[in-house]
Amino acid sequence: MKSIPNILVFDSGIGGISVYNEIRQKIPRANYIYIFDNQAFPYGDKSNEFLIKRVKDVINKAILMFAVDIVVIACNTASTICLPILRSSFSIPIVGVVPAIKPAIKITKNKCIGLLATKATIQREYTHNLIRDFASGYKIELLGLSELALIAEQKLQGVAVNIDVLTKLMSPWLELKIVPDTIVLGCTHYPFIQPELALVLPNATFIDSGYAIAARVYELLKEEFNLTSINPLSQVTSNVVCSTLYNEQVEKLIGTLQRFNLINYQCIKI
């Protein structure tokens, strides 16, 4: 049995750190490579054709650079578009994130669930099939707000969230007769602004896919790797973070990334 897996977590931006952090809590004994494609951020306004080629190119480059054992696509937009192609292109396991509609059904009391995601995720056939297959009899309110990903990125750079702006963005739900009591955060960026979203929607319960993804990664790795040996989190020091473009925003993020134990920075060219 191998000792420590190399886990690649990928997103268009740094929102995927919310998923990375859940996996890291579940599997502390691992080496992590976090890659964010800031050169093409945001993904929500890109065509399917562009995203399929782009994500495949980034993952291929990462696998060539690092001895990757599993890939986590920590981006709802990329997952709903690229997973079949990626799984047919690479031999290692590929895990994606999808909106947590099924868990939300178990929580809601008024049977009104809000799916908050990027415009691209809201429009995907995959998302609508998920609702059709698992949320029959429930009212699902869809709100596509790609602006929230940028707000979350800016927050992690030290910029305070403007609650007035956030309230205006959420106004389509605030004006409903029945406001969703359970909100699915359908973009990995959104958990970082959950405290601010809770100020705007104080009676709602928020849910995301991070915990379920961590559990899935654990299941896929546990047969091949020793994941249960006691080893303090701080002893794993080889975590790497990569962006596809180095700029002023990345420079501002270095301190934030280090707080998540993403220590060694590299810029990779695609």
C-alpha atoms as a PDB file:
ATOM      1  CA  MET A   1       0.000   0.000   0.000  1.00  0.00           C
ATOM      2  CA  LYS A   2       1.326   3.428  -0.953  1.00  0.00           C
ATOM      3  CA  SER A   3       1.759   6.032   1.762  1.00  0.00           C
ATOM      4  CA  ILE A   4       0.809   9.552   0.642  1.00  0.00           C
ATOM      5  CA  PRO A   5      -1.305  10.422  -2.432  1.00  0.00           C
ATOM      6  CA  ASN A   6      -0.763  13.438  -4.678  1.00  0.00           C
ATOM      7  CA  ILE A   7      -4.126  15.158  -5.072  1.00  0.00           C
ATOM      8  CA  LEU A   8      -4.696  17.774  -7.784  1.00  0.00           C
ATOM      9  CA  VAL A   9      -7.464  20.296  -7.191  1.00  0.00           C
ATOM     10  CA  PHE A  10      -8.343  22.531 -10.132  1.00  0.00           C
ATOM     11  CA  ASP A  11     -10.549  25.595 -10.569  1.00  0.00           C
ATOM     12  CA  SER A  12     -10.741  28.656 -12.776  1.00  0.00           C
ATOM     13  CA  GLY A  13     -10.018  30.796  -9.715  1.00  0.00           C
ATOM     14  CA  ILE A  14      -9.366  30.322  -6.032  1.00  0.00           C
ATOM     15  CA  GLY A  15     -12.930  29.404  -5.116  1.00  0.00           C
ATOM     16  CA  GLY A  16     -11.926  25.757  -5.345  1.00  0.00           C
ATOM     17  CA  ILE A  17      -9.935  26.243  -2.162  1.00  0.00           C
ATOM     18  CA  SER A  18     -13.262  25.705  -0.369  1.00  0.00           C
ATOM     19  CA  VAL A  19     -13.306  22.172  -1.807  1.00  0.00           C
ATOM     20  CA  TYR A  20      -9.565  21.681  -1.282  1.00  0.00           C
ATOM     21  CA  ASN A  21      -9.981  22.618   2.371  1.00  0.00           C
ATOM     22  CA  GLU A  22     -12.745  20.048   2.883  1.00  0.00           C
ATOM     23  CA  ILE A  23     -10.622  17.325   1.268  1.00  0.00           C
ATOM     24  CA  ARG A  24      -7.596  18.352   3.313  1.00  0.00           C
ATOM     25  CA  GLN A  25      -9.576  18.032   6.549  1.00  0.00           C
ATOM     26  CA  LYS A  26     -10.707  14.555   5.464  1.00  0.00           C
ATOM     27  CA  ILE A  27      -7.273  13.497   4.154  1.00  0.00           C
ATOM     28  CA  PRO A  28      -4.547  15.431   6.021  1.00  0.00           C
ATOM     29  CA  ARG A  29      -1.858  12.964   4.967  1.00  0.00           C
ATOM     30  CA  ALA A  30      -1.592  13.982   1.318  1.00  0.00           C
ATOM     31  CA  ASN A  31       0.412  16.207  -0.955  1.00  0.00           C
ATOM     32  CA  TYR A  32      -1.817  18.752  -2.669  1.00  0.00           C
ATOM     33  CA  ILE A  33      -1.399  20.592  -5.949  1.00  0.00           C
ATOM     34  CA  TYR A  34      -3.883  23.431  -6.363  1.00  0.00           C
ATOM     35  CA  ILE A  35      -4.063  24.965  -9.845  1.00  0.00           C
ATOM     36  CA  PHE A  36      -6.222  27.921 -10.794  1.00  0.00           C
ATOM     37  CA  ASP A  37      -6.620  29.097 -14.380  1.00  0.00           C
ATOM     38  CA  ASN A  38      -6.736  32.830 -13.689  1.00  0.00           C
ATOM     39  CA  GLN A  39      -5.619  33.564 -17.255  1.00  0.00           C
ATOM     40  CA  ALA A  40      -9.040  32.375 -18.496  1.00  0.00           C
ATOM     41  CA  PHE A  41     -11.092  33.390 -15.415  1.00  0.00           C
ATOM     42  CA  PRO A  42     -14.076  33.528 -15.260  1.00  0.00           C
ATOM     43  CA  TYR A  43     -15.267  30.332 -16.935  1.00  0.00           C
ATOM     44  CA  GLY A  44     -18.943  31.292 -16.743  1.00  0.00           C
ATOM     45  CA  ASP A  45     -18.860  33.358 -19.940  1.00  0.00           C
ATOM     46  CA  LYS A  46     -16.779  30.949 -22.055  1.00  0.00           C
ATOM     47  CA  SER A  47     -18.070  28.584 -24.758  1.00  0.00           C
ATOM     48  CA  ASN A  48     -18.265  24.833 -24.227  1.00  0.00           C
ATOM     49  CA  GLU A  49     -15.694  24.254 -26.953  1.00  0.00           C
ATOM     50  CA  PHE A  50     -13.214  26.649 -25.381  1.00  0.00           C
ATOM     51  CA  LEU A  51     -13.646  25.181 -21.901  1.00  0.00           C
ATOM     52  CA  ILE A  52     -13.298  21.560 -22.962  1.00  0.00           C
ATOM     53  CA  LYS A  53     -10.003  22.251 -24.725  1.00  0.00           C
ATOM     54  CA  ARG A  54      -8.739  24.619 -22.051  1.00  0.00           C
ATOM     55  CA  VAL A  55      -9.447  22.380 -19.060  1.00  0.00           C
ATOM     56  CA  LYS A  56      -8.030  19.336 -20.836  1.00  0.00           C
ATOM     57  CA  ASP A  57      -4.838  21.259 -21.668  1.00  0.00           C
ATOM     58  CA  VAL A  58      -4.378  22.471 -18.079  1.00  0.00           C
ATOM     59  CA  ILE A  59      -4.961  19.022 -16.579  1.00  0.00           C
ATOM     60  CA  ASN A  60      -2.635  17.399 -19.106  1.00  0.00           C
ATOM     61  CA  LYS A  61       0.103  19.903 -18.258  1.00  0.00           C
ATOM     62  CA  ALA A  62      -0.382  19.322 -14.533  1.00  0.00           C
ATOM     63  CA  ILE A  63      -0.183  15.536 -14.881  1.00  0.00           C
ATOM     64  CA  LEU A  64       3.060  15.903 -16.839  1.00  0.00           C
ATOM     65  CA  MET A  65       4.523  18.172 -14.147  1.00  0.00           C
ATOM     66  CA  PHE A  66       3.368  16.298 -11.040  1.00  0.00           C
ATOM     67  CA  ALA A  67       2.852  12.633 -10.154  1.00  0.00           C
ATOM     68  CA  VAL A  68      -0.893  13.099  -9.790  1.00  0.00           C
ATOM     69  CA  ASP A  69      -2.981  10.246  -8.344  1.00  0.00           C
ATOM     70  CA  ILE A  70      -6.419  11.865  -8.581  1.00  0.00           C
ATOM     71  CA  VAL A  71      -7.897  15.045 -10.095  1.00  0.00           C
ATOM     72  CA  VAL A  72     -10.676  17.084  -8.515  1.00  0.00           C
ATOM     73  CA  ILE A  73     -12.396  19.556 -10.834  1.00  0.00           C
ATOM     74  CA  ALA A  74     -13.463  22.038  -8.142  1.00  0.00           C
ATOM     75  CA  CYS A  75     -15.499  24.125 -10.550  1.00  0.00           C
ATOM     76  CA  ASN A  76     -19.199  23.584 -11.195  1.00  0.00           C
ATOM     77  CA  THR A  77     -19.082  25.129 -14.659  1.00  0.00           C
ATOM     78  CA  ALA A  78     -16.149  22.992 -15.802  1.00  0.00           C
ATOM     79  CA  SER A  79     -17.606  19.864 -14.174  1.00  0.00           C
ATOM     80  CA  THR A  80     -20.962  20.132 -15.950  1.00  0.00           C
ATOM     81  CA  ILE A  81     -19.196  20.476 -19.309  1.00  0.00           C
ATOM     82  CA  CYS A  82     -15.870  18.656 -19.226  1.00  0.00           C
ATOM     83  CA  LEU A  83     -16.119  15.556 -17.012  1.00  0.00           C
ATOM     84  CA  PRO A  84     -16.986  12.982 -19.721  1.00  0.00           C
ATOM     85  CA  ILE A  85     -14.143  14.169 -21.971  1.00  0.00           C
ATOM     86  CA  LEU A  86     -11.647  14.266 -19.108  1.00  0.00           C
ATOM     87  CA  ARG A  87     -12.567  10.793 -17.885  1.00  0.00           C
ATOM     88  CA  SER A  88     -12.146   9.358 -21.371  1.00  0.00           C
ATOM     89  CA  SER A  89      -8.811  11.155 -21.826  1.00  0.00           C
ATOM     90  CA  PHE A  90      -7.003  10.290 -18.583  1.00  0.00           C
ATOM     91  CA  SER A  91      -6.561   6.982 -16.754  1.00  0.00           C
ATOM     92  CA  ILE A  92      -6.499   8.407 -13.223  1.00  0.00           C
ATOM     93  CA  PRO A  93      -9.748   9.124 -11.323  1.00  0.00           C
ATOM     94  CA  ILE A  94     -11.457  12.445 -12.120  1.00  0.00           C
ATOM     95  CA  VAL A  95     -13.924  13.825  -9.557  1.00  0.00           C
ATOM     96  CA  GLY A  96     -16.206  16.768 -10.306  1.00  0.00           C
ATOM     97  CA  VAL A  97     -18.554  18.968  -8.328  1.00  0.00           C
ATOM     98  CA  VAL A  98     -22.270  19.290  -8.980  1.00  0.00           C
ATOM     99  CA  PRO A  99     -24.905  21.413  -7.225  1.00  0.00           C
ATOM    100  CA  ALA A 100     -25.997  19.827  -3.911  1.00  0.00           C
ATOM    101  CA  ILE A 101     -29.662  19.492  -4.861  1.00  0.00           C
ATOM    102  CA  LYS A 102     -30.131  16.047  -3.277  1.00  0.00           C
ATOM    103  CA  PRO A 103     -28.830  17.033   0.192  1.00  0.00           C
ATOM    104  CA  ALA A 104     -30.881  20.262   0.068  1.00  0.00           C
ATOM    105  CA  ILE A 105     -34.111  18.279  -0.282  1.00  0.00           C
ATOM    106  CA  LYS A 106     -33.451  16.658   3.111  1.00  0.00           C
ATOM    107  CA  ILE A 107     -33.058  20.054   4.780  1.00  0.00           C
ATOM    108  CA  THR A 108     -35.770  22.312   3.351  1.00  0.00           C
ATOM    109  CA  LYS A 109     -38.917  22.858   5.421  1.00  0.00           C
ATOM    110  CA  ASN A 110     -40.931  25.036   3.016  1.00  0.00           C
ATOM    111  CA  LYS A 111     -39.988  22.958  -0.062  1.00  0.00           C
ATOM    112  CA  CYS A 112     -38.490  26.031  -1.705  1.00  0.00           C
ATOM    113  CA  ILE A 113     -34.801  25.607  -2.596  1.00  0.00           C
ATOM    114  CA  GLY A 114     -32.594  28.261  -4.144  1.00  0.00           C
ATOM    115  CA  LEU A 115     -29.788  27.291  -6.485  1.00  0.00           C
ATOM    116  CA  LEU A 116     -27.232  30.081  -6.537  1.00  0.00           C
ATOM    117  CA  ALA A 117     -24.653  29.540  -9.264  1.00  0.00           C
ATOM    118  CA  THR A 118     -22.963  31.104 -12.265  1.00  0.00           C
ATOM    119  CA  LYS A 119     -25.100  31.853 -15.282  1.00  0.00           C
ATOM    120  CA  ALA A 120     -23.350  29.047 -17.143  1.00  0.00           C
ATOM    121  CA  THR A 121     -24.182  26.422 -14.493  1.00  0.00           C
ATOM    122  CA  ILE A 122     -27.806  27.582 -14.321  1.00  0.00           C
ATOM    123  CA  GLN A 123     -28.159  27.158 -18.086  1.00  0.00           C
ATOM    124  CA  ARG A 124     -26.550  23.706 -18.336  1.00  0.00           C
ATOM    125  CA  GLU A 125     -28.699  20.739 -19.315  1.00  0.00           C
ATOM    126  CA  TYR A 126     -26.921  18.771 -16.579  1.00  0.00           C
ATOM    127  CA  THR A 127     -28.293  21.126 -13.916  1.00  0.00           C
ATOM    128  CA  HIS A 128     -31.841  20.918 -15.232  1.00  0.00           C
ATOM    129  CA  ASN A 129     -31.644  17.122 -15.428  1.00  0.00           C
ATOM    130  CA  LEU A 130     -30.450  17.047 -11.811  1.00  0.00           C
ATOM    131  CA  ILE A 131     -33.472  19.072 -10.740  1.00  0.00           C
ATOM    132  CA  ARG A 132     -35.840  16.956 -12.841  1.00  0.00           C
ATOM    133  CA  ASP A 133     -34.493  13.660 -11.500  1.00  0.00           C
ATOM    134  CA  PHE A 134     -34.195  14.510  -7.801  1.00  0.00           C
ATOM    135  CA  ALA A 135     -36.356  17.543  -6.978  1.00  0.00           C
ATOM    136  CA  SER A 136     -39.802  16.619  -8.268  1.00  0.00           C
ATOM    137  CA  GLY A 137     -42.415  18.261  -6.065  1.00  0.00           C
ATOM    138  CA  TYR A 138     -40.080  20.992  -4.864  1.00  0.00           C
ATOM    139  CA  LYS A 139     -39.918  24.613  -5.959  1.00  0.00           C
ATOM    140  CA  ILE A 140     -36.407  25.314  -7.246  1.00  0.00           C
ATOM    141  CA  GLU A 141     -35.535  28.970  -7.685  1.00  0.00           C
ATOM    142  CA  LEU A 142     -32.555  29.521  -9.996  1.00  0.00           C
ATOM    143  CA  LEU A 143     -30.347  32.594  -9.756  1.00  0.00           C
ATOM    144  CA  GLY A 144     -27.300  32.921 -11.988  1.00  0.00           C
ATOM    145  CA  LEU A 145     -24.849  35.498 -10.658  1.00  0.00           C
ATOM    146  CA  SER A 146     -21.363  35.262 -12.110  1.00  0.00           C
ATOM    147  CA  GLU A 147     -20.535  38.518 -10.276  1.00  0.00           C
ATOM    148  CA  LEU A 148     -20.356  36.637  -6.972  1.00  0.00           C
ATOM    149  CA  ALA A 149     -17.237  34.731  -8.042  1.00  0.00           C
ATOM    150  CA  LEU A 150     -15.417  38.023  -8.544  1.00  0.00           C
ATOM    151  CA  ILE A 151     -16.699  39.340  -5.198  1.00  0.00           C
ATOM    152  CA  ALA A 152     -15.379  36.185  -3.498  1.00  0.00           C
ATOM    153  CA  GLU A 153     -11.997  36.515  -5.230  1.00  0.00           C
ATOM    154  CA  GLN A 154     -11.760  40.134  -4.119  1.00  0.00           C
ATOM    155  CA  LYS A 155     -12.663  39.211  -0.542  1.00  0.00           C
ATOM    156  CA  LEU A 156      -9.780  36.755  -0.431  1.00  0.00           C
ATOM    157  CA  GLN A 157      -7.551  39.580  -1.661  1.00  0.00           C
ATOM    158  CA  GLY A 158      -8.638  41.672   1.336  1.00  0.00           C
ATOM    159  CA  VAL A 159     -11.497  43.677  -0.195  1.00  0.00           C
ATOM    160  CA  ALA A 160     -14.582  43.896   2.050  1.00  0.00           C
ATOM    161  CA  VAL A 161     -17.871  42.678   0.568  1.00  0.00           C
ATOM    162  CA  ASN A 162     -20.332  45.512  -0.106  1.00  0.00           C
ATOM    163  CA  ILE A 163     -23.570  44.318   1.523  1.00  0.00           C
ATOM    164  CA  ASP A 164     -25.666  46.863  -0.396  1.00  0.00           C
ATOM    165  CA  VAL A 165     -24.359  45.506  -3.704  1.00  0.00           C
ATOM    166  CA  LEU A 166     -24.934  41.940  -2.519  1.00  0.00           C
ATOM    167  CA  THR A 167     -28.492  42.781  -1.448  1.00  0.00           C
ATOM    168  CA  LYS A 168     -29.236  44.242  -4.869  1.00  0.00           C
ATOM    169  CA  LEU A 169     -27.879  41.138  -6.579  1.00  0.00           C
ATOM    170  CA  MET A 170     -30.055  38.923  -4.388  1.00  0.00           C
ATOM    171  CA  SER A 171     -33.183  41.058  -4.868  1.00  0.00           C
ATOM    172  CA  PRO A 172     -34.902  38.565  -7.255  1.00  0.00           C
ATOM    173  CA  TRP A 173     -35.184  36.170  -4.310  1.00  0.00           C
ATOM    174  CA  LEU A 174     -35.849  38.789  -1.646  1.00  0.00           C
ATOM    175  CA  GLU A 175     -38.923  39.914  -3.606  1.00  0.00           C
ATOM    176  CA  LEU A 176     -40.451  36.421  -3.828  1.00  0.00           C
ATOM    177  CA  LYS A 177     -43.609  35.583  -1.895  1.00  0.00           C
ATOM    178  CA  ILE A 178     -41.922  32.394  -0.698  1.00  0.00           C
ATOM    179  CA  VAL A 179     -38.205  32.936  -0.143  1.00  0.00           C
ATOM    180  CA  PRO A 180     -35.982  29.825  -0.359  1.00  0.00           C
ATOM    181  CA  ASP A 181     -35.207  28.463   3.092  1.00  0.00           C
ATOM    182  CA  THR A 182     -32.353  26.317   1.764  1.00  0.00           C
ATOM    183  CA  ILE A 183     -29.764  27.713  -0.622  1.00  0.00           C
ATOM    184  CA  VAL A 184     -27.418  25.548  -2.649  1.00  0.00           C
ATOM    185  CA  LEU A 185     -24.106  27.280  -3.276  1.00  0.00           C
ATOM    186  CA  GLY A 186     -23.536  26.047  -6.815  1.00  0.00           C
ATOM    187  CA  CYS A 187     -20.128  27.623  -7.327  1.00  0.00           C
ATOM    188  CA  THR A 188     -17.055  26.775  -5.280  1.00  0.00           C
ATOM    189  CA  HIS A 189     -16.315  30.483  -4.805  1.00  0.00           C
ATOM    190  CA  TYR A 190     -19.539  31.148  -2.950  1.00  0.00           C
ATOM    191  CA  PRO A 191     -18.760  29.479   0.426  1.00  0.00           C
ATOM    192  CA  PHE A 192     -16.201  32.233   1.010  1.00  0.00           C
ATOM    193  CA  ILE A 193     -18.965  34.844   1.052  1.00  0.00           C
ATOM    194  CA  GLN A 194     -21.511  32.710   2.902  1.00  0.00           C
ATOM    195  CA  PRO A 195     -21.299  34.950   6.015  1.00  0.00           C
ATOM    196  CA  GLU A 196     -22.291  37.964   3.916  1.00  0.00           C
ATOM    197  CA  LEU A 197     -25.002  36.015   2.093  1.00  0.00           C
ATOM    198  CA  ALA A 198     -26.376  35.015   5.500  1.00  0.00           C
ATOM    199  CA  LEU A 199     -26.705  38.695   6.408  1.00  0.00           C
ATOM    200  CA  VAL A 200     -28.856  39.229   3.320  1.00  0.00           C
ATOM    201  CA  LEU A 201     -30.850  36.000   3.785  1.00  0.00           C
ATOM    202  CA  PRO A 202     -30.753  35.434   7.556  1.00  0.00           C
ATOM    203  CA  ASN A 203     -33.424  32.713   7.627  1.00  0.00           C
ATOM    204  CA  ALA A 204     -31.790  30.476   5.038  1.00  0.00           C
ATOM    205  CA  THR A 205     -29.645  27.386   5.471  1.00  0.00           C
ATOM    206  CA  PHE A 206     -26.682  27.220   3.089  1.00  0.00           C
ATOM    207  CA  ILE A 207     -25.248  24.029   1.640  1.00  0.00           C
ATOM    208  CA  ASP A 208     -22.408  23.228  -0.779  1.00  0.00           C
ATOM    209  CA  SER A 209     -20.744  20.151  -2.273  1.00  0.00           C
ATOM    210  CA  GLY A 210     -17.417  20.265  -0.435  1.00  0.00           C
ATOM    211  CA  TYR A 211     -18.098  17.590   2.195  1.00  0.00           C
ATOM    212  CA  ALA A 212     -19.517  15.122  -0.340  1.00  0.00           C
ATOM    213  CA  ILE A 213     -16.554  15.625  -2.675  1.00  0.00           C
ATOM    214  CA  ALA A 214     -14.093  15.017   0.172  1.00  0.00           C
ATOM    215  CA  ALA A 215     -15.878  11.775   1.037  1.00  0.00           C
ATOM    216  CA  ARG A 216     -15.779  10.664  -2.600  1.00  0.00           C
ATOM    217  CA  VAL A 217     -12.050  11.359  -2.924  1.00  0.00           C
ATOM    218  CA  TYR A 218     -11.422   9.396   0.271  1.00  0.00           C
ATOM    219  CA  GLU A 219     -13.371   6.394  -1.053  1.00  0.00           C
ATOM    220  CA  LEU A 220     -11.430   6.395  -4.323  1.00  0.00           C
ATOM    221  CA  LEU A 221      -8.027   6.535  -2.598  1.00  0.00           C
ATOM    222  CA  LYS A 222      -8.454   4.408   0.520  1.00  0.00           C
ATOM    223  CA  GLU A 223      -7.719   1.045  -1.144  1.00  0.00           C
ATOM    224  CA  GLU A 224      -4.416   2.192  -2.627  1.00  0.00           C
ATOM    225  CA  PHE A 225      -3.134   4.592   0.033  1.00  0.00           C
ATOM    226  CA  ASN A 226      -2.705   4.557   3.780  1.00  0.00           C
ATOM    227  CA  LEU A 227      -4.948   7.484   4.671  1.00  0.00           C
ATOM    228  CA  THR A 228      -5.514   6.741   8.343  1.00  0.00           C
ATOM    229  CA  SER A 229      -2.027   6.829   9.891  1.00  0.00           C
ATOM    230  CA  ILE A 230      -1.579   9.594  12.437  1.00  0.00           C
ATOM    231  CA  ASN A 231       0.503  12.380  10.985  1.00  0.00           C
ATOM    232  CA  PRO A 232       0.066  16.048  11.956  1.00  0.00           C
ATOM    233  CA  LEU A 233      -1.214  18.278   9.159  1.00  0.00           C
ATOM    234  CA  SER A 234       1.726  20.622   9.654  1.00  0.00           C
ATOM    235  CA  GLN A 235       4.206  17.887   8.671  1.00  0.00           C
ATOM    236  CA  VAL A 236       2.968  17.852   5.078  1.00  0.00           C
ATOM    237  CA  THR A 237       4.904  20.758   3.594  1.00  0.00           C
ATOM    238  CA  SER A 238       5.173  19.973  -0.106  1.00  0.00           C
ATOM    239  CA  ASN A 239       1.827  21.471  -1.137  1.00  0.00           C
ATOM    240  CA  VAL A 240       2.025  23.442  -4.365  1.00  0.00           C
ATOM    241  CA  VAL A 241      -0.178  26.196  -5.765  1.00  0.00           C
ATOM    242  CA  CYS A 242      -0.018  27.174  -9.431  1.00  0.00           C
ATOM    243  CA  SER A 243      -1.671  29.854 -11.504  1.00  0.00           C
ATOM    244  CA  THR A 244      -1.653  30.169 -15.283  1.00  0.00           C
ATOM    245  CA  LEU A 245      -0.839  33.882 -15.075  1.00  0.00           C
ATOM    246  CA  TYR A 246       1.255  35.797 -12.563  1.00  0.00           C
ATOM    247  CA  ASN A 247      -0.050  39.290 -11.916  1.00  0.00           C
ATOM    248  CA  GLU A 248      -0.751  41.788  -9.142  1.00  0.00           C
ATOM    249  CA  GLN A 249      -3.836  39.887  -7.972  1.00  0.00           C
ATOM    250  CA  VAL A 250      -1.822  36.688  -7.519  1.00  0.00           C
ATOM    251  CA  GLU A 251       0.820  38.603  -5.592  1.00  0.00           C
ATOM    252  CA  LYS A 252      -1.885  39.828  -3.205  1.00  0.00           C
ATOM    253  CA  LEU A 253      -3.179  36.282  -2.762  1.00  0.00           C
ATOM    254  CA  ILE A 254       0.114  34.679  -1.744  1.00  0.00           C
ATOM    255  CA  GLY A 255      -0.466  35.336   1.966  1.00  0.00           C
ATOM    256  CA  THR A 256      -4.020  33.982   1.803  1.00  0.00           C
ATOM    257  CA  LEU A 257      -2.887  30.852   0.001  1.00  0.00           C
ATOM    258  CA  GLN A 258      -0.207  30.204   2.604  1.00  0.00           C
ATOM    259  CA  ARG A 259      -2.861  30.275   5.335  1.00  0.00           C
ATOM    260  CA  PHE A 260      -4.363  27.234   3.596  1.00  0.00           C
ATOM    261  CA  ASN A 261      -0.955  25.517   3.629  1.00  0.00           C
ATOM    262  CA  LEU A 262      -0.428  26.161  -0.080  1.00  0.00           C
ATOM    263  CA  ILE A 263       3.195  27.102   0.363  1.00  0.00           C
ATOM    264  CA  ASN A 264       5.127  26.669  -2.873  1.00  0.00           C
ATOM    265  CA  TYR A 265       3.978  28.895  -5.741  1.00  0.00           C
ATOM    266  CA  GLN A 266       4.619  28.267  -9.434  1.00  0.00           C
ATOM    267  CA  CYS A 267       3.282  29.842 -12.617  1.00  0.00           C
ATOM    268  CA  ILE A 268       2.536  27.370 -15.387  1.00  0.00           C
ATOM    269  CA  LYS A 269       2.140  28.397 -19.011  1.00  0.00           C
ATOM    270  CA  ILE A 270      -0.618  26.851 -21.085  1.00  0.00           C
END
